[in-house]
Amino acid sequence: MSAIPPVYGQRLTNREKEIMQYIAKGWRTAQIATELGISAYTVFNHRKNVIKKKGVRSVREVVIQSKLSKN
């Protein structure tokens, strides 16, 4: 199966990037929400937006792509 096409022209917001940094460190949604003073639902929505913008099926794929692009 092919990946979902990315939403071209849309870049990640600063908040989405920040949340992805926490996820890459292994933090859970509830931990991120507490750290940033936002609801877990808001964190979930940011994660969902990242998946859509990157054209992947999971946050794990986003993290893998990010790590591969740094090498």
C-alpha atoms as a PDB file:
ATOM      1  CA  MET A   1       0.000   0.000   0.000  1.00  0.00           C
ATOM      2  CA  SER A   2       1.197   3.481  -0.751  1.00  0.00           C
ATOM      3  CA  ALA A   3       1.330   6.321   1.718  1.00  0.00           C
ATOM      4  CA  ILE A   4      -1.429   8.869   1.974  1.00  0.00           C
ATOM      5  CA  PRO A   5      -0.495  11.889  -0.172  1.00  0.00           C
ATOM      6  CA  PRO A   6       0.809  14.801   1.901  1.00  0.00           C
ATOM      7  CA  VAL A   7      -1.049  18.084   2.091  1.00  0.00           C
ATOM      8  CA  TYR A   8       1.397  19.987  -0.097  1.00  0.00           C
ATOM      9  CA  GLY A   9       2.219  23.571   0.771  1.00  0.00           C
ATOM     10  CA  GLN A  10       1.414  23.108   4.441  1.00  0.00           C
ATOM     11  CA  ARG A  11       4.329  23.148   6.800  1.00  0.00           C
ATOM     12  CA  LEU A  12       4.307  22.024  10.379  1.00  0.00           C
ATOM     13  CA  THR A  13       3.499  24.707  12.907  1.00  0.00           C
ATOM     14  CA  ASN A  14       5.960  25.470  15.674  1.00  0.00           C
ATOM     15  CA  ARG A  15       3.668  23.660  18.134  1.00  0.00           C
ATOM     16  CA  GLU A  16       3.480  20.583  15.899  1.00  0.00           C
ATOM     17  CA  LYS A  17       7.273  20.529  15.675  1.00  0.00           C
ATOM     18  CA  GLU A  18       7.541  20.903  19.441  1.00  0.00           C
ATOM     19  CA  ILE A  19       5.152  18.012  20.049  1.00  0.00           C
ATOM     20  CA  MET A  20       7.024  15.827  17.571  1.00  0.00           C
ATOM     21  CA  GLN A  21      10.249  16.481  19.483  1.00  0.00           C
ATOM     22  CA  TYR A  22       8.628  15.149  22.655  1.00  0.00           C
ATOM     23  CA  ILE A  23       7.234  12.142  20.804  1.00  0.00           C
ATOM     24  CA  ALA A  24      10.678  11.382  19.362  1.00  0.00           C
ATOM     25  CA  LYS A  25      11.981  11.329  22.947  1.00  0.00           C
ATOM     26  CA  GLY A  26       9.375   8.706  23.828  1.00  0.00           C
ATOM     27  CA  TRP A  27       6.939  10.913  25.731  1.00  0.00           C
ATOM     28  CA  ARG A  28       3.284   9.873  25.880  1.00  0.00           C
ATOM     29  CA  THR A  29       0.376  12.133  24.948  1.00  0.00           C
ATOM     30  CA  ALA A  30      -0.643  12.773  28.571  1.00  0.00           C
ATOM     31  CA  GLN A  31       2.933  13.660  29.552  1.00  0.00           C
ATOM     32  CA  ILE A  32       3.236  16.117  26.662  1.00  0.00           C
ATOM     33  CA  ALA A  33      -0.109  17.688  27.531  1.00  0.00           C
ATOM     34  CA  THR A  34       0.916  18.195  31.153  1.00  0.00           C
ATOM     35  CA  GLU A  35       4.326  19.607  30.194  1.00  0.00           C
ATOM     36  CA  LEU A  36       2.840  22.095  27.723  1.00  0.00           C
ATOM     37  CA  GLY A  37      -0.244  22.970  29.770  1.00  0.00           C
ATOM     38  CA  ILE A  38      -2.681  21.819  27.082  1.00  0.00           C
ATOM     39  CA  SER A  39      -5.241  19.032  26.914  1.00  0.00           C
ATOM     40  CA  ALA A  40      -4.390  15.540  25.741  1.00  0.00           C
ATOM     41  CA  TYR A  41      -7.040  16.006  23.046  1.00  0.00           C
ATOM     42  CA  THR A  42      -5.113  19.013  21.699  1.00  0.00           C
ATOM     43  CA  VAL A  43      -1.903  16.962  21.585  1.00  0.00           C
ATOM     44  CA  PHE A  44      -3.799  14.227  19.745  1.00  0.00           C
ATOM     45  CA  ASN A  45      -5.061  16.770  17.197  1.00  0.00           C
ATOM     46  CA  HIS A  46      -1.538  18.079  16.599  1.00  0.00           C
ATOM     47  CA  ARG A  47      -0.330  14.516  16.058  1.00  0.00           C
ATOM     48  CA  LYS A  48      -3.171  13.900  13.598  1.00  0.00           C
ATOM     49  CA  ASN A  49      -2.297  17.095  11.694  1.00  0.00           C
ATOM     50  CA  VAL A  50       1.360  16.069  11.442  1.00  0.00           C
ATOM     51  CA  ILE A  51       0.392  12.683  10.002  1.00  0.00           C
ATOM     52  CA  LYS A  52      -1.834  14.368   7.415  1.00  0.00           C
ATOM     53  CA  LYS A  53       0.749  16.992   6.457  1.00  0.00           C
ATOM     54  CA  LYS A  54       3.561  14.452   6.126  1.00  0.00           C
ATOM     55  CA  GLY A  55       1.471  11.960   4.172  1.00  0.00           C
ATOM     56  CA  VAL A  56       2.197   8.996   6.413  1.00  0.00           C
ATOM     57  CA  ARG A  57       0.054   6.556   8.359  1.00  0.00           C
ATOM     58  CA  SER A  58       1.477   6.981  11.855  1.00  0.00           C
ATOM     59  CA  VAL A  59       3.516   9.260  14.066  1.00  0.00           C
ATOM     60  CA  ARG A  60       6.120   6.508  14.163  1.00  0.00           C
ATOM     61  CA  GLU A  61       6.674   6.966  10.424  1.00  0.00           C
ATOM     62  CA  VAL A  62       7.153  10.711  10.944  1.00  0.00           C
ATOM     63  CA  VAL A  63       9.782  10.063  13.620  1.00  0.00           C
ATOM     64  CA  ILE A  64      11.581   7.542  11.392  1.00  0.00           C
ATOM     65  CA  GLN A  65      11.557   9.975   8.445  1.00  0.00           C
ATOM     66  CA  SER A  66      12.920  12.704  10.663  1.00  0.00           C
ATOM     67  CA  LYS A  67      15.756  10.547  11.968  1.00  0.00           C
ATOM     68  CA  LEU A  68      16.650   9.329   8.467  1.00  0.00           C
ATOM     69  CA  SER A  69      16.761  12.857   7.074  1.00  0.00           C
ATOM     70  CA  LYS A  70      19.266  13.867   9.786  1.00  0.00           C
ATOM     71  CA  ASN A  71      21.746  11.172   8.684  1.00  0.00           C
END
